[in-house]
Protein backbone atom coordinates (compact mmCIF):
# COMPACT_ATOMS: atom_id res chain seq x y z
CA MET A 1 -4.36 -33.08 74.10
CA THR A 2 -7.05 -33.16 76.81
CA PRO A 3 -10.51 -34.65 76.11
CA ALA A 4 -11.98 -31.20 76.27
CA GLU A 5 -9.54 -29.99 73.59
CA ASN A 6 -10.51 -32.96 71.47
CA LYS A 7 -14.11 -32.20 71.59
CA PRO A 8 -15.75 -31.13 68.30
CA GLU A 9 -16.52 -27.45 68.06
CA HIS A 10 -20.22 -26.57 68.32
CA LYS A 11 -21.44 -24.63 65.26
CA SER A 12 -23.94 -21.83 65.74
CA LEU A 13 -26.66 -20.98 63.27
CA ASP A 14 -25.31 -17.38 63.42
CA THR A 15 -22.15 -18.49 61.66
CA LEU A 16 -23.77 -20.53 58.96
CA SER A 17 -24.85 -19.89 55.41
CA ILE A 18 -28.51 -20.55 55.31
CA ALA A 19 -30.79 -20.56 52.27
CA GLY A 20 -34.30 -19.45 52.76
CA ILE A 21 -37.29 -20.66 50.67
CA ILE A 22 -40.65 -18.86 50.61
CA GLY A 23 -43.07 -21.66 49.99
CA GLY A 24 -46.75 -22.22 50.33
CA VAL A 25 -47.25 -20.91 46.81
CA GLY A 26 -48.31 -23.69 46.33
CA PRO A 27 -47.49 -25.93 49.40
CA GLN A 28 -46.67 -29.13 47.50
CA ALA A 29 -44.47 -27.25 45.13
CA GLY A 30 -42.56 -25.90 48.14
CA LEU A 31 -41.90 -29.42 49.36
CA ASP A 32 -40.86 -30.39 45.88
CA PHE A 33 -38.39 -27.45 45.86
CA ILE A 34 -36.68 -28.76 49.04
CA GLN A 35 -36.48 -32.24 47.38
CA LYS A 36 -34.63 -30.58 44.49
CA ILE A 37 -32.15 -29.04 46.82
CA LEU A 38 -31.55 -32.34 48.54
CA SER A 39 -31.29 -34.27 45.21
CA ASN A 40 -28.76 -31.94 43.82
CA THR A 41 -26.45 -31.82 46.78
CA GLN A 42 -23.45 -34.06 47.05
CA ALA A 43 -23.76 -35.62 50.47
CA LEU A 44 -22.74 -38.81 52.17
CA ARG A 45 -24.22 -38.02 55.60
CA ASP A 46 -26.93 -35.70 57.10
CA GLN A 47 -24.32 -33.05 58.01
CA ASP A 48 -23.18 -32.71 54.38
CA HIS A 49 -26.47 -31.16 53.30
CA VAL A 50 -27.05 -27.54 52.62
CA ASN A 51 -28.54 -25.53 55.55
CA CYS A 52 -31.94 -24.35 54.46
CA MET A 53 -35.23 -23.04 55.89
CA LEU A 54 -38.71 -23.44 54.22
CA ILE A 55 -41.51 -21.31 55.40
CA SER A 56 -44.89 -22.33 54.16
CA CYS A 57 -47.67 -19.91 55.11
CA PRO A 58 -50.31 -20.08 52.35
CA SER A 59 -53.04 -18.56 54.42
CA ILE A 60 -51.29 -15.16 54.35
CA ILE A 61 -50.37 -15.08 50.62
CA PRO A 62 -53.36 -14.59 48.25
CA ASP A 63 -53.55 -16.43 45.05
CA ARG A 64 -51.06 -14.76 42.62
CA THR A 65 -53.05 -15.52 39.37
CA ALA A 66 -56.33 -14.37 40.90
CA PHE A 67 -54.67 -11.06 41.93
CA LEU A 68 -53.17 -10.51 38.46
CA LEU A 69 -56.41 -11.23 36.64
CA LYS A 70 -58.54 -8.76 38.52
CA ASP A 71 -59.52 -5.72 36.44
CA LYS A 72 -58.70 -3.41 39.32
CA GLN A 73 -56.03 -4.72 41.62
CA GLU A 74 -56.47 -3.79 45.25
CA GLU A 75 -52.96 -3.06 46.50
CA SER A 76 -53.81 -4.17 50.05
CA LEU A 77 -54.50 -7.71 48.66
CA ASN A 78 -51.19 -7.90 46.85
CA PRO A 79 -49.46 -11.21 47.62
CA ALA A 80 -46.21 -9.22 47.98
CA PHE A 81 -47.14 -8.34 51.51
CA GLY A 82 -47.56 -12.06 52.65
CA MET A 83 -44.35 -12.95 50.90
CA PHE A 84 -42.49 -10.14 52.69
CA ASP A 85 -43.88 -11.29 56.00
CA CYS A 86 -42.37 -14.64 55.30
CA ALA A 87 -39.08 -13.10 54.21
CA LYS A 88 -38.89 -11.26 57.56
CA ARG A 89 -39.29 -14.58 59.43
CA LEU A 90 -36.62 -16.15 57.35
CA HIS A 91 -34.32 -13.22 57.89
CA ALA A 92 -34.93 -13.29 61.64
CA ALA A 93 -34.03 -17.03 61.68
CA GLY A 94 -30.67 -16.34 60.00
CA ALA A 95 -31.31 -16.58 56.27
CA ARG A 96 -29.26 -14.02 54.24
CA PHE A 97 -30.39 -15.15 50.80
CA ALA A 98 -33.87 -16.46 49.82
CA ALA A 99 -36.04 -17.38 46.83
CA VAL A 100 -39.78 -17.58 46.15
CA ALA A 101 -40.86 -21.02 44.87
CA CYS A 102 -43.53 -19.62 42.56
CA ASN A 103 -43.26 -18.50 38.95
CA THR A 104 -46.43 -16.27 38.86
CA ALA A 105 -45.20 -14.41 42.07
CA HIS A 106 -42.37 -13.02 39.80
CA ALA A 107 -44.79 -10.93 37.78
CA GLY A 108 -43.77 -7.30 38.17
CA GLN A 109 -46.98 -6.33 39.91
CA ILE A 110 -46.10 -8.69 42.71
CA PHE A 111 -42.38 -9.22 42.69
CA GLY A 112 -41.49 -5.48 42.31
CA PRO A 113 -43.28 -4.38 45.41
CA PHE A 114 -41.99 -7.51 47.31
CA CYS A 115 -38.39 -6.70 46.41
CA GLY A 116 -38.87 -2.99 47.15
CA LEU A 117 -40.11 -3.92 50.80
CA VAL A 118 -37.18 -6.28 51.24
CA LYS A 119 -34.60 -3.75 50.05
CA LYS A 120 -36.03 -1.06 52.41
CA SER A 121 -36.40 -3.13 55.54
CA LEU A 122 -34.01 -6.06 55.08
CA PRO A 123 -31.08 -4.73 53.00
CA ASP A 124 -28.79 -7.58 53.84
CA LEU A 125 -31.26 -10.21 52.53
CA THR A 126 -30.61 -11.18 48.88
CA ILE A 127 -33.62 -12.28 46.86
CA VAL A 128 -32.65 -14.71 44.04
CA ASN A 129 -34.85 -14.24 41.02
CA MET A 130 -36.13 -17.49 39.67
CA LEU A 131 -36.89 -16.20 36.14
CA GLU A 132 -33.55 -14.31 35.86
CA THR A 133 -31.68 -17.36 36.82
CA CYS A 134 -33.56 -19.64 34.38
CA ALA A 135 -32.99 -17.18 31.49
CA LEU A 136 -29.27 -17.01 32.22
CA PHE A 137 -29.03 -20.85 32.44
CA SER A 138 -31.04 -21.29 29.17
CA LYS A 139 -28.75 -18.85 27.31
CA GLU A 140 -25.31 -19.69 28.71
CA VAL A 141 -25.63 -23.47 29.61
CA LEU A 142 -28.35 -24.94 27.48
CA LYS A 143 -27.80 -22.48 24.58
CA ILE A 144 -31.43 -22.98 23.59
CA LYS A 145 -33.35 -19.93 22.59
CA HIS A 146 -36.57 -21.25 20.86
CA LEU A 147 -38.52 -22.13 23.83
CA GLY A 148 -42.09 -23.22 24.61
CA LEU A 149 -43.72 -21.84 27.74
CA LEU A 150 -46.43 -23.52 29.84
CA ALA A 151 -47.74 -21.61 32.71
CA THR A 152 -50.74 -20.24 34.65
CA ILE A 153 -53.01 -17.67 32.85
CA GLY A 154 -51.57 -15.07 35.27
CA THR A 155 -48.07 -15.76 34.21
CA HIS A 156 -49.02 -15.60 30.50
CA LYS A 157 -51.08 -12.44 30.92
CA SER A 158 -48.38 -10.61 32.90
CA ARG A 159 -45.81 -11.56 30.21
CA VAL A 160 -43.25 -11.70 32.91
CA TYR A 161 -41.22 -14.40 31.05
CA HIS A 162 -40.93 -12.00 28.18
CA GLU A 163 -39.13 -9.53 30.44
CA TYR A 164 -36.31 -12.03 31.04
CA PHE A 165 -36.40 -14.06 27.75
CA ARG A 166 -36.11 -11.03 25.55
CA LYS A 167 -36.18 -10.94 21.76
CA GLU A 168 -33.06 -8.62 21.83
CA ASP A 169 -31.18 -11.52 23.45
CA GLY A 170 -32.34 -13.82 20.67
CA PHE A 171 -35.06 -15.58 22.59
CA LEU A 172 -38.33 -16.71 20.98
CA LEU A 173 -41.15 -17.75 23.33
CA ILE A 174 -43.80 -19.96 21.92
CA GLU A 175 -47.07 -20.04 24.04
CA PRO A 176 -50.20 -22.14 23.69
CA ASP A 177 -53.26 -20.41 22.17
CA ALA A 178 -55.97 -19.07 24.53
CA ALA A 179 -57.75 -22.50 24.65
CA GLY A 180 -54.44 -24.32 25.34
CA GLN A 181 -53.66 -21.85 28.15
CA GLU A 182 -57.00 -22.54 29.64
CA LYS A 183 -56.40 -26.32 29.62
CA VAL A 184 -53.04 -25.95 31.35
CA HIS A 185 -54.49 -23.50 33.86
CA ASP A 186 -57.34 -26.03 34.63
CA ALA A 187 -54.92 -28.76 34.99
CA ILE A 188 -53.29 -26.86 37.76
CA TYR A 189 -56.35 -25.19 39.42
CA ASN A 190 -59.46 -27.27 38.66
CA GLU A 191 -60.94 -28.51 41.93
CA GLU A 192 -62.01 -31.80 40.50
CA TYR A 193 -58.86 -32.92 38.77
CA GLY A 194 -56.20 -30.05 39.06
CA ILE A 195 -52.80 -30.58 40.62
CA LYS A 196 -53.37 -28.15 43.45
CA ALA A 197 -56.37 -30.09 44.63
CA HIS A 198 -54.90 -33.48 44.02
CA SER A 199 -51.18 -33.21 44.49
CA GLN A 200 -50.64 -36.50 46.19
CA LYS A 201 -51.98 -38.37 43.20
CA ILE A 202 -51.96 -36.41 39.96
CA SER A 203 -55.03 -37.15 37.89
CA SER A 204 -54.61 -38.62 34.48
CA ARG A 205 -56.84 -35.86 33.09
CA ALA A 206 -54.36 -33.17 34.37
CA VAL A 207 -51.41 -35.10 32.89
CA GLU A 208 -53.03 -35.55 29.57
CA GLN A 209 -53.92 -31.87 29.19
CA ILE A 210 -50.45 -30.80 30.08
CA SER A 211 -48.89 -33.42 27.82
CA ASN A 212 -50.99 -32.46 24.84
CA GLU A 213 -49.91 -28.83 25.14
CA LEU A 214 -46.22 -29.86 25.54
CA HIS A 215 -46.43 -31.90 22.28
CA GLY A 216 -48.15 -28.95 20.54
CA LEU A 217 -45.39 -26.59 21.43
CA ALA A 218 -42.73 -29.00 20.17
CA ASP A 219 -44.63 -29.36 16.99
CA ARG A 220 -44.73 -25.60 16.53
CA GLY A 221 -40.85 -25.47 16.67
CA ALA A 222 -40.03 -25.30 20.40
CA LYS A 223 -36.58 -26.78 21.07
CA ALA A 224 -37.36 -27.08 24.73
CA VAL A 225 -40.29 -26.24 26.99
CA ILE A 226 -40.25 -24.18 30.11
CA LEU A 227 -42.45 -25.58 32.94
CA GLY A 228 -43.39 -22.10 34.05
CA CYS A 229 -45.48 -23.11 37.19
CA THR A 230 -44.03 -24.96 40.05
CA GLU A 231 -46.86 -27.41 39.96
CA LEU A 232 -46.25 -28.60 36.47
CA PRO A 233 -43.07 -30.65 37.19
CA LEU A 234 -45.19 -32.69 39.69
CA ALA A 235 -47.26 -33.94 36.67
CA VAL A 236 -44.58 -34.95 34.17
CA GLN A 237 -41.81 -36.45 36.30
CA ASN A 238 -42.08 -39.96 34.79
CA LEU A 239 -43.01 -39.08 31.20
CA SER A 240 -40.80 -38.61 28.14
CA PHE A 241 -41.21 -35.84 25.51
CA PRO A 242 -39.68 -35.09 22.10
CA VAL A 243 -37.95 -31.92 23.63
CA PRO A 244 -36.16 -31.24 26.87
CA LEU A 245 -38.26 -29.77 29.66
CA ILE A 246 -36.82 -26.85 31.61
CA ASP A 247 -37.76 -26.68 35.21
CA PRO A 248 -37.03 -23.18 36.62
CA GLY A 249 -37.41 -24.51 40.11
CA LEU A 250 -34.64 -26.97 39.58
CA ILE A 251 -32.42 -24.30 38.18
CA LEU A 252 -33.19 -22.04 41.15
CA ALA A 253 -32.60 -24.85 43.67
CA ARG A 254 -29.16 -25.36 42.07
CA ARG A 255 -28.37 -21.72 42.26
CA LEU A 256 -29.18 -21.65 46.03
CA ILE A 257 -26.71 -24.54 46.50
CA GLU A 258 -24.11 -22.65 44.61
CA LEU A 259 -24.62 -19.63 46.93
CA ALA A 260 -24.62 -21.79 50.11
CA ALA A 261 -21.94 -24.29 49.41
CA PRO A 262 -20.67 -24.33 45.75
CA GLU A 263 -18.49 -27.40 46.33
CA LYS A 264 -21.61 -29.42 47.26
CA LEU A 265 -23.44 -28.91 43.87
CA ARG A 266 -23.96 -32.19 42.11
CA ALA A 267 -23.17 -32.33 38.42
CA LEU A 268 -26.15 -32.36 36.09
């Protein structure tokens, strides 16, 4: 065998399975999502990791909750269009399946138009649904159906989780009361102490408000609690609670690994 014949074959991006992640919704949560992919991949060297692309363009994707809470939603301001713009970039770069690292973005008013645009213009790009994946995992793997839900007010108001965690399937979703939802929302959005404004060092006030609502849901019978906003896991990483916490972002990250390279998925 000649030296040329012994030379390793160069791999082109065109031949690889690439996972695309639409981030920037919010930005720190997008980075955390990439970390979840890395942490759940069996790898001994750089080359063993899953090929993935994160696009983080928050300036072109309006706030999802603000859009959902408007009395009259202006279609031209729908975050779906910015998400689709990101999807086009991922597709052009070689991604053939992708996910949106945001719970609230899965509300029907946003996710429906987004998936419609993808289906029409990018028919070979598969969008992996975070909430659908989480519901299936909760039902078939965790086998827990009495679940608490913490989320943004936009997510609660849209009732998007109720579309996937349906009563007909035996699910019971327990949510905080209006005051509790406000506290969790403030823990995420408040400019003085919220996670979005202080993601590098989560404030004790944000952690306390989230923790109190988590305990409250457990007291009301939740057997596990869904962290229905991608910022929430950032605040509870090192805390213990009386019930398991379900991170839809973690479940979604593991699903992307399954699609890209199932043999590399690390056991839970």
